[in-house]
């Protein structure tokens, strides 16, 4: 009788741990896939750079925040240069 009661109390805990374990495994698999994808992109960029290719051909590079900011600054500087050359 006592053993059965203990087992009944234990079952919900065990199920929660199993559920948490499954969720953590899903998250881990997703993180591993993301790391693999990013490593492949990095390797692609390195190869392109080492072979003298145009890094601008990589969409991830061109869509990055720093590149976007630099392009905006470049545009503003060109505009200023044109304004100064007119005066």
PDB file of N, CA and C in Angstrom:
ATOM      1  N   UNK A   1       0.818  -1.187   0.000  1.00  0.00           N
ATOM      2  CA  UNK A   1       0.000   0.000   0.000  1.00  0.00           C
ATOM      3  C   UNK A   1       0.862   1.252   0.000  1.00  0.00           C
ATOM      4  N   UNK A   2       1.841   1.331   0.916  1.00  0.00           N
ATOM      5  CA  UNK A   2       2.708   2.492   0.978  1.00  0.00           C
ATOM      6  C   UNK A   2       3.507   2.635  -0.313  1.00  0.00           C
ATOM      7  N   UNK A   3       3.982   1.536  -0.811  1.00  0.00           N
ATOM      8  CA  UNK A   3       4.767   1.560  -2.045  1.00  0.00           C
ATOM      9  C   UNK A   3       3.931   2.095  -3.202  1.00  0.00           C
ATOM     10  N   UNK A   4       2.667   1.697  -3.274  1.00  0.00           N
ATOM     11  CA  UNK A   4       1.782   2.168  -4.343  1.00  0.00           C
ATOM     12  C   UNK A   4       1.547   3.670  -4.225  1.00  0.00           C
ATOM     13  N   UNK A   5       1.353   4.168  -3.020  1.00  0.00           N
ATOM     14  CA  UNK A   5       1.151   5.619  -2.810  1.00  0.00           C
ATOM     15  C   UNK A   5       2.400   6.406  -3.200  1.00  0.00           C
ATOM     16  N   UNK A   6       3.530   5.880  -2.832  1.00  0.00           N
ATOM     17  CA  UNK A   6       4.780   6.544  -3.209  1.00  0.00           C
ATOM     18  C   UNK A   6       4.944   6.566  -4.731  1.00  0.00           C
ATOM     19  N   UNK A   7       4.621   5.485  -5.333  1.00  0.00           N
ATOM     20  CA  UNK A   7       4.717   5.402  -6.791  1.00  0.00           C
ATOM     21  C   UNK A   7       3.768   6.401  -7.444  1.00  0.00           C
ATOM     22  N   UNK A   8       2.573   6.546  -6.908  1.00  0.00           N
ATOM     23  CA  UNK A   8       1.609   7.500  -7.451  1.00  0.00           C
ATOM     24  C   UNK A   8       2.111   8.938  -7.303  1.00  0.00           C
ATOM     25  N   UNK A   9       2.740   9.217  -6.187  1.00  0.00           N
ATOM     26  CA  UNK A   9       3.285  10.569  -5.987  1.00  0.00           C
ATOM     27  C   UNK A   9       4.465  10.826  -6.925  1.00  0.00           C
ATOM     28  N   UNK A  10       5.202   9.807  -7.219  1.00  0.00           N
ATOM     29  CA  UNK A  10       6.414   9.923  -8.019  1.00  0.00           C
ATOM     30  C   UNK A  10       6.100  10.095  -9.511  1.00  0.00           C
ATOM     31  N   UNK A  11       5.045   9.467  -9.993  1.00  0.00           N
ATOM     32  CA  UNK A  11       4.722   9.487 -11.427  1.00  0.00           C
ATOM     33  C   UNK A  11       4.575  10.887 -12.012  1.00  0.00           C
ATOM     34  N   UNK A  12       3.833  11.791 -11.396  1.00  0.00           N
ATOM     35  CA  UNK A  12       3.723  13.142 -11.983  1.00  0.00           C
ATOM     36  C   UNK A  12       5.079  13.859 -12.066  1.00  0.00           C
ATOM     37  N   UNK A  13       5.907  13.687 -11.051  1.00  0.00           N
ATOM     38  CA  UNK A  13       7.240  14.310 -11.070  1.00  0.00           C
ATOM     39  C   UNK A  13       8.070  13.757 -12.223  1.00  0.00           C
ATOM     40  N   UNK A  14       8.030  12.460 -12.368  1.00  0.00           N
ATOM     41  CA  UNK A  14       8.789  11.813 -13.425  1.00  0.00           C
ATOM     42  C   UNK A  14       8.323  12.300 -14.789  1.00  0.00           C
ATOM     43  N   UNK A  15       7.020  12.456 -14.949  1.00  0.00           N
ATOM     44  CA  UNK A  15       6.478  12.930 -16.221  1.00  0.00           C
ATOM     45  C   UNK A  15       6.918  14.374 -16.502  1.00  0.00           C
ATOM     46  N   UNK A  16       6.929  15.219 -15.477  1.00  0.00           N
ATOM     47  CA  UNK A  16       7.381  16.606 -15.660  1.00  0.00           C
ATOM     48  C   UNK A  16       8.840  16.642 -16.104  1.00  0.00           C
ATOM     49  N   UNK A  17       9.665  15.801 -15.481  1.00  0.00           N
ATOM     50  CA  UNK A  17      11.075  15.755 -15.861  1.00  0.00           C
ATOM     51  C   UNK A  17      11.247  15.260 -17.291  1.00  0.00           C
ATOM     52  N   UNK A  18      10.459  14.298 -17.680  1.00  0.00           N
ATOM     53  CA  UNK A  18      10.530  13.800 -19.061  1.00  0.00           C
ATOM     54  C   UNK A  18      10.137  14.899 -20.037  1.00  0.00           C
ATOM     55  N   UNK A  19       9.071  15.609 -19.720  1.00  0.00           N
ATOM     56  CA  UNK A  19       8.613  16.693 -20.580  1.00  0.00           C
ATOM     57  C   UNK A  19       9.678  17.777 -20.682  1.00  0.00           C
ATOM     58  N   UNK A  20      10.262  18.148 -19.563  1.00  0.00           N
ATOM     59  CA  UNK A  20      11.319  19.161 -19.560  1.00  0.00           C
ATOM     60  C   UNK A  20      12.528  18.674 -20.347  1.00  0.00           C
ATOM     61  N   UNK A  21      12.859  17.411 -20.205  1.00  0.00           N
ATOM     62  CA  UNK A  21      14.001  16.831 -20.910  1.00  0.00           C
ATOM     63  C   UNK A  21      13.776  16.881 -22.423  1.00  0.00           C
ATOM     64  N   UNK A  22      12.590  16.537 -22.845  1.00  0.00           N
ATOM     65  CA  UNK A  22      12.261  16.570 -24.272  1.00  0.00           C
ATOM     66  C   UNK A  22      12.367  17.999 -24.802  1.00  0.00           C
ATOM     67  N   UNK A  23      11.840  18.955 -24.049  1.00  0.00           N
ATOM     68  CA  UNK A  23      11.893  20.357 -24.470  1.00  0.00           C
ATOM     69  C   UNK A  23      13.336  20.847 -24.552  1.00  0.00           C
ATOM     70  N   UNK A  24      14.131  20.507 -23.569  1.00  0.00           N
ATOM     71  CA  UNK A  24      15.539  20.912 -23.589  1.00  0.00           C
ATOM     72  C   UNK A  24      16.283  20.283 -24.762  1.00  0.00           C
ATOM     73  N   UNK A  25      15.979  19.047 -25.064  1.00  0.00           N
ATOM     74  CA  UNK A  25      16.614  18.390 -26.208  1.00  0.00           C
ATOM     75  C   UNK A  25      16.229  19.068 -27.519  1.00  0.00           C
ATOM     76  N   UNK A  26      14.979  19.512 -27.624  1.00  0.00           N
ATOM     77  CA  UNK A  26      14.542  20.240 -28.825  1.00  0.00           C
ATOM     78  C   UNK A  26      15.308  21.555 -28.954  1.00  0.00           C
ATOM     79  N   UNK A  27      15.433  22.259 -27.842  1.00  0.00           N
ATOM     80  CA  UNK A  27      16.148  23.533 -27.860  1.00  0.00           C
ATOM     81  C   UNK A  27      17.625  23.324 -28.201  1.00  0.00           C
ATOM     82  N   UNK A  28      18.207  22.288 -27.645  1.00  0.00           N
ATOM     83  CA  UNK A  28      19.607  21.984 -27.921  1.00  0.00           C
ATOM     84  C   UNK A  28      19.801  21.644 -29.398  1.00  0.00           C
ATOM     85  N   UNK A  29      18.911  20.853 -29.951  1.00  0.00           N
ATOM     86  CA  UNK A  29      19.010  20.499 -31.370  1.00  0.00           C
ATOM     87  C   UNK A  29      18.870  21.748 -32.237  1.00  0.00           C
ATOM     88  N   UNK A  30      17.965  22.624 -31.883  1.00  0.00           N
ATOM     89  CA  UNK A  30      17.798  23.869 -32.634  1.00  0.00           C
ATOM     90  C   UNK A  30      19.029  24.744 -32.558  1.00  0.00           C
ATOM     91  N   UNK A  31      19.615  24.838 -31.376  1.00  0.00           N
ATOM     92  CA  UNK A  31      20.825  25.645 -31.206  1.00  0.00           C
ATOM     93  C   UNK A  31      21.991  25.056 -31.996  1.00  0.00           C
ATOM     94  N   UNK A  32      22.102  23.751 -31.986  1.00  0.00           N
ATOM     95  CA  UNK A  32      23.176  23.103 -32.752  1.00  0.00           C
ATOM     96  C   UNK A  32      23.000  23.343 -34.249  1.00  0.00           C
ATOM     97  N   UNK A  33      21.778  23.264 -34.717  1.00  0.00           N
ATOM     98  CA  UNK A  33      21.516  23.515 -36.135  1.00  0.00           C
ATOM     99  C   UNK A  33      21.860  24.960 -36.500  1.00  0.00           C
ATOM    100  N   UNK A  34      21.519  25.880 -35.625  1.00  0.00           N
ATOM    101  CA  UNK A  34      21.828  27.293 -35.868  1.00  0.00           C
ATOM    102  C   UNK A  34      23.338  27.525 -35.909  1.00  0.00           C
ATOM    103  N   UNK A  35      24.064  26.910 -34.995  1.00  0.00           N
ATOM    104  CA  UNK A  35      25.519  27.051 -34.976  1.00  0.00           C
ATOM    105  C   UNK A  35      26.120  26.478 -36.259  1.00  0.00           C
ATOM    106  N   UNK A  36      25.647  25.335 -36.678  1.00  0.00           N
ATOM    107  CA  UNK A  36      26.146  24.711 -37.899  1.00  0.00           C
ATOM    108  C   UNK A  36      25.908  25.613 -39.105  1.00  0.00           C
ATOM    109  N   UNK A  37      24.715  26.170 -39.190  1.00  0.00           N
ATOM    110  CA  UNK A  37      24.381  27.068 -40.298  1.00  0.00           C
ATOM    111  C   UNK A  37      25.291  28.296 -40.297  1.00  0.00           C
ATOM    112  N   UNK A  38      25.528  28.874 -39.132  1.00  0.00           N
ATOM    113  CA  UNK A  38      26.368  30.063 -39.040  1.00  0.00           C
ATOM    114  C   UNK A  38      27.826  29.736 -39.363  1.00  0.00           C
ATOM    115  N   UNK A  39      28.280  28.559 -38.958  1.00  0.00           N
ATOM    116  CA  UNK A  39      29.646  28.154 -39.298  1.00  0.00           C
ATOM    117  C   UNK A  39      29.798  28.006 -40.809  1.00  0.00           C
ATOM    118  N   UNK A  40      28.790  27.452 -41.457  1.00  0.00           N
ATOM    119  CA  UNK A  40      28.836  27.300 -42.916  1.00  0.00           C
ATOM    120  C   UNK A  40      28.869  28.662 -43.599  1.00  0.00           C
ATOM    121  N   UNK A  41      28.074  29.596 -43.122  1.00  0.00           N
ATOM    122  CA  UNK A  41      28.071  30.942 -43.703  1.00  0.00           C
ATOM    123  C   UNK A  41      29.424  31.621 -43.515  1.00  0.00           C
ATOM    124  N   UNK A  42      29.998  31.466 -42.328  1.00  0.00           N
ATOM    125  CA  UNK A  42      31.301  32.053 -42.053  1.00  0.00           C
ATOM    126  C   UNK A  42      32.358  31.454 -42.974  1.00  0.00           C
ATOM    127  N   UNK A  43      32.337  30.155 -43.135  1.00  0.00           N
ATOM    128  CA  UNK A  43      33.301  29.487 -44.003  1.00  0.00           C
ATOM    129  C   UNK A  43      33.131  29.964 -45.445  1.00  0.00           C
ATOM    130  N   UNK A  44      31.909  30.142 -45.878  1.00  0.00           N
ATOM    131  CA  UNK A  44      31.644  30.652 -47.226  1.00  0.00           C
ATOM    132  C   UNK A  44      32.251  32.044 -47.386  1.00  0.00           C
ATOM    133  N   UNK A  45      32.061  32.903 -46.403  1.00  0.00           N
ATOM    134  CA  UNK A  45      32.603  34.261 -46.461  1.00  0.00           C
ATOM    135  C   UNK A  45      34.126  34.232 -46.466  1.00  0.00           C
ATOM    136  N   UNK A  46      34.711  33.375 -45.644  1.00  0.00           N
ATOM    137  CA  UNK A  46      36.182  33.278 -45.609  1.00  0.00           C
ATOM    138  C   UNK A  46      36.741  32.826 -46.949  1.00  0.00           C
ATOM    139  N   UNK A  47      36.140  31.813 -47.530  1.00  0.00           N
ATOM    140  CA  UNK A  47      36.612  31.319 -48.828  1.00  0.00           C
ATOM    141  C   UNK A  47      36.499  32.394 -49.892  1.00  0.00           C
ATOM    142  N   UNK A  48      35.389  33.080 -49.893  1.00  0.00           N
ATOM    143  CA  UNK A  48      35.168  34.136 -50.871  1.00  0.00           C
ATOM    144  C   UNK A  48      36.226  35.229 -50.708  1.00  0.00           C
ATOM    145  N   UNK A  49      36.477  35.629 -49.478  1.00  0.00           N
ATOM    146  CA  UNK A  49      37.470  36.669 -49.184  1.00  0.00           C
ATOM    147  C   UNK A  49      38.870  36.220 -49.588  1.00  0.00           C
ATOM    148  N   UNK A  50      39.239  34.995 -49.208  1.00  0.00           N
ATOM    149  CA  UNK A  50      40.574  34.475 -49.510  1.00  0.00           C
ATOM    150  C   UNK A  50      40.818  34.339 -51.003  1.00  0.00           C
ATOM    151  N   UNK A  51      39.770  34.105 -51.765  1.00  0.00           N
ATOM    152  CA  UNK A  51      39.904  33.955 -53.212  1.00  0.00           C
ATOM    153  C   UNK A  51      39.711  35.267 -53.952  1.00  0.00           C
ATOM    154  N   UNK A  52      39.661  36.371 -53.198  1.00  0.00           N
ATOM    155  CA  UNK A  52      39.548  37.683 -53.826  1.00  0.00           C
ATOM    156  C   UNK A  52      38.153  38.007 -54.333  1.00  0.00           C
ATOM    157  N   UNK A  53      37.173  37.271 -53.867  1.00  0.00           N
ATOM    158  CA  UNK A  53      35.799  37.518 -54.296  1.00  0.00           C
ATOM    159  C   UNK A  53      35.212  38.746 -53.627  1.00  0.00           C
ATOM    160  N   UNK A  54      34.086  39.152 -54.112  1.00  0.00           N
ATOM    161  CA  UNK A  54      33.395  40.328 -53.581  1.00  0.00           C
ATOM    162  C   UNK A  54      32.530  39.915 -52.405  1.00  0.00           C
ATOM    163  N   UNK A  55      32.901  40.373 -51.229  1.00  0.00           N
ATOM    164  CA  UNK A  55      32.178  40.021 -49.998  1.00  0.00           C
ATOM    165  C   UNK A  55      30.745  40.544 -50.052  1.00  0.00           C
ATOM    166  N   UNK A  56      30.515  41.542 -50.882  1.00  0.00           N
ATOM    167  CA  UNK A  56      29.170  42.104 -51.010  1.00  0.00           C
ATOM    168  C   UNK A  56      28.203  41.123 -51.679  1.00  0.00           C
ATOM    169  N   UNK A  57      28.737  40.045 -52.201  1.00  0.00           N
ATOM    170  CA  UNK A  57      27.887  39.036 -52.834  1.00  0.00           C
ATOM    171  C   UNK A  57      27.155  38.180 -51.807  1.00  0.00           C
ATOM    172  N   UNK A  58      27.516  38.330 -50.547  1.00  0.00           N
ATOM    173  CA  UNK A  58      26.888  37.531 -49.483  1.00  0.00           C
ATOM    174  C   UNK A  58      25.751  38.347 -48.877  1.00  0.00           C
ATOM    175  N   UNK A  59      24.508  37.913 -49.052  1.00  0.00           N
ATOM    176  CA  UNK A  59      23.356  38.672 -48.558  1.00  0.00           C
ATOM    177  C   UNK A  59      23.398  38.952 -47.056  1.00  0.00           C
ATOM    178  N   UNK A  60      23.872  38.004 -46.253  1.00  0.00           N
ATOM    179  CA  UNK A  60      23.933  38.210 -44.800  1.00  0.00           C
ATOM    180  C   UNK A  60      24.859  39.367 -44.435  1.00  0.00           C
ATOM    181  N   UNK A  61      25.934  39.497 -45.181  1.00  0.00           N
ATOM    182  CA  UNK A  61      26.876  40.584 -44.918  1.00  0.00           C
ATOM    183  C   UNK A  61      26.214  41.912 -45.233  1.00  0.00           C
ATOM    184  N   UNK A  62      25.589  41.986 -46.375  1.00  0.00           N
ATOM    185  CA  UNK A  62      24.989  43.251 -46.800  1.00  0.00           C
ATOM    186  C   UNK A  62      23.781  43.636 -45.953  1.00  0.00           C
ATOM    187  N   UNK A  63      23.148  42.677 -45.334  1.00  0.00           N
ATOM    188  CA  UNK A  63      21.969  42.961 -44.506  1.00  0.00           C
ATOM    189  C   UNK A  63      22.331  43.225 -43.045  1.00  0.00           C
ATOM    190  N   UNK A  64      23.606  43.119 -42.717  1.00  0.00           N
ATOM    191  CA  UNK A  64      24.007  43.299 -41.321  1.00  0.00           C
ATOM    192  C   UNK A  64      23.864  44.760 -40.904  1.00  0.00           C
ATOM    193  N   UNK A  65      23.660  44.959 -39.623  1.00  0.00           N
ATOM    194  CA  UNK A  65      23.473  46.313 -39.079  1.00  0.00           C
ATOM    195  C   UNK A  65      24.695  47.194 -39.327  1.00  0.00           C
ATOM    196  N   UNK A  66      25.921  46.727 -39.048  1.00  0.00           N
ATOM    197  CA  UNK A  66      27.074  47.601 -39.281  1.00  0.00           C
ATOM    198  C   UNK A  66      27.211  48.033 -40.749  1.00  0.00           C
ATOM    199  N   UNK A  67      26.988  47.115 -41.663  1.00  0.00           N
ATOM    200  CA  UNK A  67      27.097  47.456 -43.088  1.00  0.00           C
ATOM    201  C   UNK A  67      26.006  48.444 -43.472  1.00  0.00           C
ATOM    202  N   UNK A  68      24.815  48.238 -42.975  1.00  0.00           N
ATOM    203  CA  UNK A  68      23.715  49.164 -43.254  1.00  0.00           C
ATOM    204  C   UNK A  68      24.048  50.562 -42.738  1.00  0.00           C
ATOM    205  N   UNK A  69      24.606  50.650 -41.542  1.00  0.00           N
ATOM    206  CA  UNK A  69      24.987  51.940 -40.978  1.00  0.00           C
ATOM    207  C   UNK A  69      26.097  52.591 -41.792  1.00  0.00           C
ATOM    208  N   UNK A  70      27.070  51.803 -42.205  1.00  0.00           N
ATOM    209  CA  UNK A  70      28.161  52.341 -43.012  1.00  0.00           C
ATOM    210  C   UNK A  70      27.660  52.845 -44.371  1.00  0.00           C
ATOM    211  N   UNK A  71      26.733  52.132 -44.959  1.00  0.00           N
ATOM    212  CA  UNK A  71      26.177  52.578 -46.245  1.00  0.00           C
ATOM    213  C   UNK A  71      25.416  53.890 -46.080  1.00  0.00           C
ATOM    214  N   UNK A  72      24.711  54.018 -44.981  1.00  0.00           N
ATOM    215  CA  UNK A  72      23.991  55.255 -44.711  1.00  0.00           C
ATOM    216  C   UNK A  72      24.970  56.414 -44.525  1.00  0.00           C
ATOM    217  N   UNK A  73      26.037  56.177 -43.782  1.00  0.00           N
ATOM    218  CA  UNK A  73      27.052  57.208 -43.588  1.00  0.00           C
ATOM    219  C   UNK A  73      27.711  57.588 -44.912  1.00  0.00           C
ATOM    220  N   UNK A  74      27.978  56.590 -45.720  1.00  0.00           N
ATOM    221  CA  UNK A  74      28.577  56.839 -47.029  1.00  0.00           C
ATOM    222  C   UNK A  74      27.662  57.709 -47.880  1.00  0.00           C
ATOM    223  N   UNK A  75      26.392  57.410 -47.860  1.00  0.00           N
ATOM    224  CA  UNK A  75      25.421  58.194 -48.616  1.00  0.00           C
ATOM    225  C   UNK A  75      25.387  59.644 -48.130  1.00  0.00           C
ATOM    226  N   UNK A  76      25.386  59.821 -46.818  1.00  0.00           N
ATOM    227  CA  UNK A  76      25.368  61.165 -46.250  1.00  0.00           C
ATOM    228  C   UNK A  76      26.637  61.942 -46.611  1.00  0.00           C
ATOM    229  N   UNK A  77      27.782  61.275 -46.576  1.00  0.00           N
ATOM    230  CA  UNK A  77      29.038  61.933 -46.921  1.00  0.00           C
ATOM    231  C   UNK A  77      29.082  62.320 -48.398  1.00  0.00           C
ATOM    232  N   UNK A  78      28.564  61.478 -49.255  1.00  0.00           N
ATOM    233  CA  UNK A  78      28.498  61.820 -50.685  1.00  0.00           C
ATOM    234  C   UNK A  78      27.615  63.041 -50.898  1.00  0.00           C
ATOM    235  N   UNK A  79      26.501  63.074 -50.193  1.00  0.00           N
ATOM    236  CA  UNK A  79      25.592  64.211 -50.308  1.00  0.00           C
ATOM    237  C   UNK A  79      26.292  65.488 -49.853  1.00  0.00           C
ATOM    238  N   UNK A  80      26.998  65.426 -48.726  1.00  0.00           N
ATOM    239  CA  UNK A  80      27.723  66.595 -48.211  1.00  0.00           C
ATOM    240  C   UNK A  80      28.810  67.044 -49.182  1.00  0.00           C
ATOM    241  N   UNK A  81      29.503  66.066 -49.742  1.00  0.00           N
ATOM    242  CA  UNK A  81      30.559  66.375 -50.698  1.00  0.00           C
ATOM    243  C   UNK A  81      29.989  67.119 -51.911  1.00  0.00           C
ATOM    244  N   UNK A  82      28.855  66.652 -52.396  1.00  0.00           N
ATOM    245  CA  UNK A  82      28.211  67.310 -53.530  1.00  0.00           C
ATOM    246  C   UNK A  82      27.780  68.739 -53.157  1.00  0.00           C
ATOM    247  N   UNK A  83      27.263  68.889 -51.961  1.00  0.00           N
ATOM    248  CA  UNK A  83      26.842  70.204 -51.501  1.00  0.00           C
ATOM    249  C   UNK A  83      28.034  71.156 -51.397  1.00  0.00           C
ATOM    250  N   UNK A  84      29.136  70.676 -50.877  1.00  0.00           N
ATOM    251  CA  UNK A  84      30.324  71.515 -50.728  1.00  0.00           C
ATOM    252  C   UNK A  84      30.937  71.883 -52.091  1.00  0.00           C
ATOM    253  N   UNK A  85      30.874  70.945 -53.028  1.00  0.00           N
ATOM    254  CA  UNK A  85      31.446  71.217 -54.348  1.00  0.00           C
ATOM    255  C   UNK A  85      30.618  72.228 -55.138  1.00  0.00           C
ATOM    256  N   UNK A  86      29.367  72.377 -54.795  1.00  0.00           N
ATOM    257  CA  UNK A  86      28.500  73.355 -55.472  1.00  0.00           C
ATOM    258  C   UNK A  86      28.774  74.788 -54.982  1.00  0.00           C
ATOM    259  N   UNK A  87      29.231  74.904 -53.777  1.00  0.00           N
ATOM    260  CA  UNK A  87      29.439  76.255 -53.192  1.00  0.00           C
ATOM    261  C   UNK A  87      30.801  76.778 -53.479  1.00  0.00           C
TER     262      UNK A  87
END
